[in-house]
N, C-alpha and C. Protein backbone atom coordinates (compact mmCIF):
# COMPACT_ATOMS: atom_id res chain seq x y z
N UNK A 1 82.51 -11.12 253.44
CA UNK A 1 82.62 -11.28 252.01
C UNK A 1 83.90 -10.63 251.50
N UNK A 2 84.37 -11.18 250.43
CA UNK A 2 85.60 -10.66 249.85
C UNK A 2 85.27 -9.53 248.89
N UNK A 3 86.00 -8.45 249.05
CA UNK A 3 85.78 -7.29 248.21
C UNK A 3 86.49 -7.48 246.87
N UNK A 4 85.83 -7.16 245.79
CA UNK A 4 86.43 -7.29 244.46
C UNK A 4 87.59 -6.32 244.31
N UNK A 5 88.69 -6.81 243.73
CA UNK A 5 89.86 -5.98 243.53
C UNK A 5 89.92 -5.52 242.08
N UNK A 6 90.46 -4.36 241.92
CA UNK A 6 90.64 -3.86 240.56
C UNK A 6 91.81 -4.59 239.90
N UNK A 7 91.91 -4.50 238.60
CA UNK A 7 92.99 -5.15 237.87
C UNK A 7 94.34 -4.57 238.30
N UNK A 8 94.40 -3.28 238.50
CA UNK A 8 95.65 -2.63 238.94
C UNK A 8 96.08 -3.14 240.32
N UNK A 9 95.11 -3.31 241.21
CA UNK A 9 95.44 -3.80 242.55
C UNK A 9 95.96 -5.23 242.49
N UNK A 10 95.37 -6.06 241.62
CA UNK A 10 95.83 -7.44 241.46
C UNK A 10 97.25 -7.48 240.90
N UNK A 11 97.52 -6.63 239.90
CA UNK A 11 98.87 -6.58 239.32
C UNK A 11 99.89 -6.15 240.37
N UNK A 12 99.50 -5.18 241.17
CA UNK A 12 100.40 -4.71 242.22
C UNK A 12 100.66 -5.81 243.24
N UNK A 13 99.63 -6.57 243.57
CA UNK A 13 99.79 -7.68 244.51
C UNK A 13 100.70 -8.77 243.92
N UNK A 14 100.56 -9.05 242.66
CA UNK A 14 101.41 -10.05 242.02
C UNK A 14 102.87 -9.59 242.03
N UNK A 15 103.11 -8.31 241.73
CA UNK A 15 104.47 -7.78 241.76
C UNK A 15 105.05 -7.84 243.17
N UNK A 16 104.21 -7.57 244.16
CA UNK A 16 104.69 -7.63 245.54
C UNK A 16 105.14 -9.05 245.89
N UNK A 17 104.34 -10.04 245.52
CA UNK A 17 104.72 -11.43 245.78
C UNK A 17 105.97 -11.81 245.00
N UNK A 18 106.11 -11.31 243.80
CA UNK A 18 107.28 -11.60 242.99
C UNK A 18 108.54 -11.02 243.63
N UNK A 19 108.43 -9.86 244.24
CA UNK A 19 109.58 -9.24 244.89
C UNK A 19 109.94 -9.92 246.22
N UNK A 20 108.96 -10.43 246.92
CA UNK A 20 109.17 -11.06 248.22
C UNK A 20 109.57 -12.53 248.08
N UNK A 21 109.20 -13.16 246.97
CA UNK A 21 109.43 -14.60 246.78
C UNK A 21 110.89 -15.02 246.94
N UNK A 22 111.89 -14.32 246.37
CA UNK A 22 113.28 -14.77 246.56
C UNK A 22 113.71 -14.79 248.03
N UNK A 23 113.25 -13.84 248.79
CA UNK A 23 113.60 -13.81 250.20
C UNK A 23 112.96 -14.98 250.94
N UNK A 24 111.69 -15.23 250.66
CA UNK A 24 110.99 -16.33 251.32
C UNK A 24 111.64 -17.66 250.94
N UNK A 25 111.93 -17.85 249.66
CA UNK A 25 112.55 -19.09 249.20
C UNK A 25 113.93 -19.25 249.84
N UNK A 26 114.70 -18.18 249.87
CA UNK A 26 116.03 -18.23 250.49
C UNK A 26 115.97 -18.59 251.96
N UNK A 27 115.06 -17.98 252.68
CA UNK A 27 114.94 -18.29 254.11
C UNK A 27 114.52 -19.73 254.33
N UNK A 28 113.59 -20.22 253.52
CA UNK A 28 113.16 -21.61 253.67
C UNK A 28 114.31 -22.57 253.39
N UNK A 29 115.05 -22.32 252.32
CA UNK A 29 116.16 -23.20 251.96
C UNK A 29 117.26 -23.12 253.02
N UNK A 30 117.61 -21.92 253.44
CA UNK A 30 118.71 -21.78 254.39
C UNK A 30 118.35 -22.24 255.80
N UNK A 31 117.08 -22.29 256.13
CA UNK A 31 116.67 -22.74 257.46
C UNK A 31 116.28 -24.21 257.50
N UNK A 32 115.53 -24.67 256.53
CA UNK A 32 115.01 -26.03 256.60
C UNK A 32 115.95 -27.07 256.00
N UNK A 33 116.73 -26.75 254.99
CA UNK A 33 117.65 -27.73 254.42
C UNK A 33 118.66 -28.24 255.46
N UNK A 34 119.33 -27.37 256.22
CA UNK A 34 120.27 -27.88 257.23
C UNK A 34 119.56 -28.71 258.31
N UNK A 35 118.36 -28.32 258.68
CA UNK A 35 117.61 -29.07 259.69
C UNK A 35 117.30 -30.48 259.19
N UNK A 36 116.83 -30.58 257.96
CA UNK A 36 116.50 -31.89 257.39
C UNK A 36 117.76 -32.72 257.18
N UNK A 37 118.81 -32.08 256.68
CA UNK A 37 120.07 -32.80 256.45
C UNK A 37 120.66 -33.31 257.77
N UNK A 38 120.59 -32.54 258.82
CA UNK A 38 121.08 -32.96 260.13
C UNK A 38 120.29 -34.14 260.65
N UNK A 39 118.97 -34.08 260.49
CA UNK A 39 118.11 -35.18 260.92
C UNK A 39 118.47 -36.46 260.18
N UNK A 40 118.66 -36.38 258.88
CA UNK A 40 119.02 -37.56 258.07
C UNK A 40 120.39 -38.09 258.49
N UNK A 41 121.36 -37.19 258.68
CA UNK A 41 122.70 -37.63 259.06
C UNK A 41 122.76 -38.21 260.47
N UNK A 42 121.79 -37.86 261.32
CA UNK A 42 121.79 -38.42 262.67
C UNK A 42 121.53 -39.92 262.67
N UNK A 43 121.04 -40.46 261.57
CA UNK A 43 120.81 -41.90 261.45
C UNK A 43 121.94 -42.59 260.69
N UNK A 44 123.06 -41.91 260.49
CA UNK A 44 124.17 -42.45 259.71
C UNK A 44 125.44 -42.49 260.53
N UNK A 45 126.33 -43.39 260.14
CA UNK A 45 127.67 -43.42 260.72
C UNK A 45 128.57 -42.75 259.69
N UNK A 46 129.14 -41.63 260.07
CA UNK A 46 129.95 -40.85 259.14
C UNK A 46 131.42 -41.24 259.28
N UNK A 47 132.04 -41.43 258.13
CA UNK A 47 133.46 -41.76 258.10
C UNK A 47 134.23 -40.54 257.65
N UNK A 48 135.52 -40.72 257.48
CA UNK A 48 136.38 -39.62 257.06
C UNK A 48 135.96 -39.09 255.70
N UNK A 49 136.03 -37.81 255.52
CA UNK A 49 135.72 -37.11 254.27
C UNK A 49 134.28 -37.27 253.82
N UNK A 50 133.35 -37.41 254.76
CA UNK A 50 131.93 -37.37 254.44
C UNK A 50 131.28 -38.66 254.01
N UNK A 51 132.03 -39.74 253.84
CA UNK A 51 131.41 -41.02 253.49
C UNK A 51 130.59 -41.49 254.68
N UNK A 52 129.36 -41.89 254.42
CA UNK A 52 128.50 -42.31 255.52
C UNK A 52 127.71 -43.55 255.14
N UNK A 53 127.36 -44.32 256.15
CA UNK A 53 126.52 -45.50 255.96
C UNK A 53 125.35 -45.41 256.91
N UNK A 54 124.19 -45.84 256.47
CA UNK A 54 122.98 -45.80 257.28
C UNK A 54 123.07 -46.86 258.37
N UNK A 55 122.79 -46.46 259.61
CA UNK A 55 122.78 -47.44 260.70
C UNK A 55 121.56 -47.30 261.60
N UNK A 56 120.51 -46.69 261.12
CA UNK A 56 119.26 -46.63 261.86
C UNK A 56 119.37 -45.84 263.15
N UNK A 57 118.73 -46.35 264.19
CA UNK A 57 118.70 -45.62 265.47
C UNK A 57 119.84 -46.01 266.40
N UNK A 58 120.84 -46.71 265.87
CA UNK A 58 121.97 -47.13 266.70
C UNK A 58 122.69 -45.95 267.34
N UNK A 59 122.77 -44.82 266.64
CA UNK A 59 123.42 -43.63 267.22
C UNK A 59 122.67 -43.16 268.46
N UNK A 60 121.34 -43.16 268.40
CA UNK A 60 120.54 -42.71 269.54
C UNK A 60 120.62 -43.71 270.69
N UNK A 61 120.61 -44.99 270.37
CA UNK A 61 120.74 -46.01 271.41
C UNK A 61 122.09 -45.86 272.11
N UNK A 62 123.14 -45.69 271.32
CA UNK A 62 124.48 -45.53 271.87
C UNK A 62 124.56 -44.25 272.72
N UNK A 63 123.93 -43.19 272.26
CA UNK A 63 123.99 -41.92 273.00
C UNK A 63 123.32 -42.05 274.37
N UNK A 64 122.14 -42.69 274.42
CA UNK A 64 121.43 -42.76 275.68
C UNK A 64 121.96 -43.86 276.60
N UNK A 65 122.67 -44.84 276.07
CA UNK A 65 123.25 -45.88 276.91
C UNK A 65 124.67 -45.55 277.35
N UNK A 66 125.27 -44.55 276.74
CA UNK A 66 126.64 -44.19 277.07
C UNK A 66 126.71 -43.60 278.48
N UNK A 67 127.68 -44.02 279.27
CA UNK A 67 127.80 -43.44 280.62
C UNK A 67 128.22 -41.98 280.60
N UNK A 68 128.78 -41.51 279.50
CA UNK A 68 129.21 -40.12 279.44
C UNK A 68 128.17 -39.24 278.74
N UNK A 69 126.97 -39.75 278.55
CA UNK A 69 125.93 -38.99 277.87
C UNK A 69 125.57 -37.75 278.67
N UNK A 70 125.72 -36.59 278.06
CA UNK A 70 125.37 -35.34 278.72
C UNK A 70 126.39 -34.88 279.73
N UNK A 71 127.52 -35.50 279.77
CA UNK A 71 128.53 -35.16 280.77
C UNK A 71 129.53 -34.17 280.20
N UNK A 72 129.75 -33.10 280.90
CA UNK A 72 130.80 -32.16 280.52
C UNK A 72 132.10 -32.63 281.14
N UNK A 73 133.21 -32.34 280.50
CA UNK A 73 134.49 -32.75 281.07
C UNK A 73 134.68 -32.19 282.48
N UNK A 74 135.06 -33.06 283.41
CA UNK A 74 135.31 -32.62 284.77
C UNK A 74 134.08 -32.61 285.66
N UNK A 75 132.93 -33.05 285.15
CA UNK A 75 131.73 -33.10 285.98
C UNK A 75 131.43 -34.54 286.35
N UNK A 76 130.95 -34.79 287.56
CA UNK A 76 130.73 -36.17 288.00
C UNK A 76 129.44 -36.81 287.48
N UNK A 77 128.46 -36.04 287.03
CA UNK A 77 127.18 -36.65 286.65
C UNK A 77 127.33 -37.41 285.34
N UNK A 78 126.66 -38.55 285.25
CA UNK A 78 126.78 -39.35 284.04
C UNK A 78 125.45 -39.93 283.59
N UNK A 79 124.35 -39.46 284.12
CA UNK A 79 123.06 -40.04 283.74
C UNK A 79 122.45 -39.27 282.58
N UNK A 80 121.48 -39.91 281.92
CA UNK A 80 120.78 -39.28 280.80
C UNK A 80 119.94 -38.11 281.29
N UNK A 81 119.59 -38.12 282.56
CA UNK A 81 118.80 -37.01 283.10
C UNK A 81 119.68 -35.81 283.45
N UNK A 82 120.91 -35.86 283.02
CA UNK A 82 121.84 -34.77 283.29
C UNK A 82 121.32 -33.46 282.70
N UNK A 83 121.35 -32.39 283.48
CA UNK A 83 120.89 -31.10 282.95
C UNK A 83 121.75 -30.60 281.80
N UNK A 84 123.01 -31.05 281.74
CA UNK A 84 123.88 -30.60 280.64
C UNK A 84 123.37 -31.09 279.30
N UNK A 85 122.90 -32.34 279.24
CA UNK A 85 122.39 -32.89 277.99
C UNK A 85 121.17 -32.11 277.54
N UNK A 86 120.23 -31.92 278.41
CA UNK A 86 118.97 -31.26 278.02
C UNK A 86 119.16 -29.77 277.82
N UNK A 87 120.04 -29.15 278.59
CA UNK A 87 120.28 -27.72 278.41
C UNK A 87 120.94 -27.43 277.08
N UNK A 88 121.80 -28.34 276.63
CA UNK A 88 122.47 -28.11 275.36
C UNK A 88 121.60 -28.48 274.17
N UNK A 89 120.57 -29.29 274.38
CA UNK A 89 119.74 -29.71 273.26
C UNK A 89 118.41 -28.96 273.19
N UNK A 90 118.12 -28.05 274.10
CA UNK A 90 116.81 -27.38 274.06
C UNK A 90 116.57 -26.57 272.80
N UNK A 91 117.60 -25.92 272.19
CA UNK A 91 117.30 -25.20 270.94
C UNK A 91 116.78 -26.12 269.84
N UNK A 92 117.33 -27.34 269.77
CA UNK A 92 116.88 -28.30 268.77
C UNK A 92 115.44 -28.71 269.04
N UNK A 93 115.12 -29.01 270.30
CA UNK A 93 113.75 -29.41 270.65
C UNK A 93 112.79 -28.26 270.41
N UNK A 94 113.20 -27.04 270.74
CA UNK A 94 112.33 -25.89 270.54
C UNK A 94 112.05 -25.69 269.06
N UNK A 95 113.09 -25.83 268.22
CA UNK A 95 112.93 -25.66 266.79
C UNK A 95 112.02 -26.74 266.21
N UNK A 96 112.23 -27.98 266.63
CA UNK A 96 111.40 -29.08 266.10
C UNK A 96 109.95 -28.95 266.52
N UNK A 97 109.71 -28.49 267.74
CA UNK A 97 108.34 -28.38 268.24
C UNK A 97 107.63 -27.14 267.73
N UNK A 98 108.37 -26.15 267.30
CA UNK A 98 107.73 -24.91 266.85
C UNK A 98 107.54 -24.86 265.35
N UNK A 99 107.94 -25.91 264.63
CA UNK A 99 107.76 -25.92 263.18
C UNK A 99 106.28 -26.03 262.86
N UNK A 100 105.81 -25.33 261.82
CA UNK A 100 104.40 -25.42 261.47
C UNK A 100 104.06 -26.83 261.01
N UNK A 101 102.87 -27.23 261.34
CA UNK A 101 102.42 -28.59 260.97
C UNK A 101 101.63 -28.55 259.71
C-alpha cells in the first residue's frame, strides 16, 4: 500500500522534479533529436548545402550492393559480411536496440 504523504513532502517532491526537469529535457533533446534526424536523413539524398530529396531505401540498397561496402582502404575484403562494416556500425545497433520501448 502507498503511504500517505504530508503536504510538505509533496511540495518538496514537486520542487525536486522542477529542478531535475531541465536536465532530463536537455538530455532527451540532445540524445534523441540527432538519432531521429540521422534516421530520417538516411532515407534522403543530400545535395550541396543541405538540400535533400527523399529517395526511400535506395541508400540502403546501394550500400549493401556496393562492392566496397564495409571495405577499408587497402583491404582486399569487399563483402557485406566484412567485419569492418559491422565493427564500425555496432554502436548504432547497440543504441537502437537498447532504447526503451
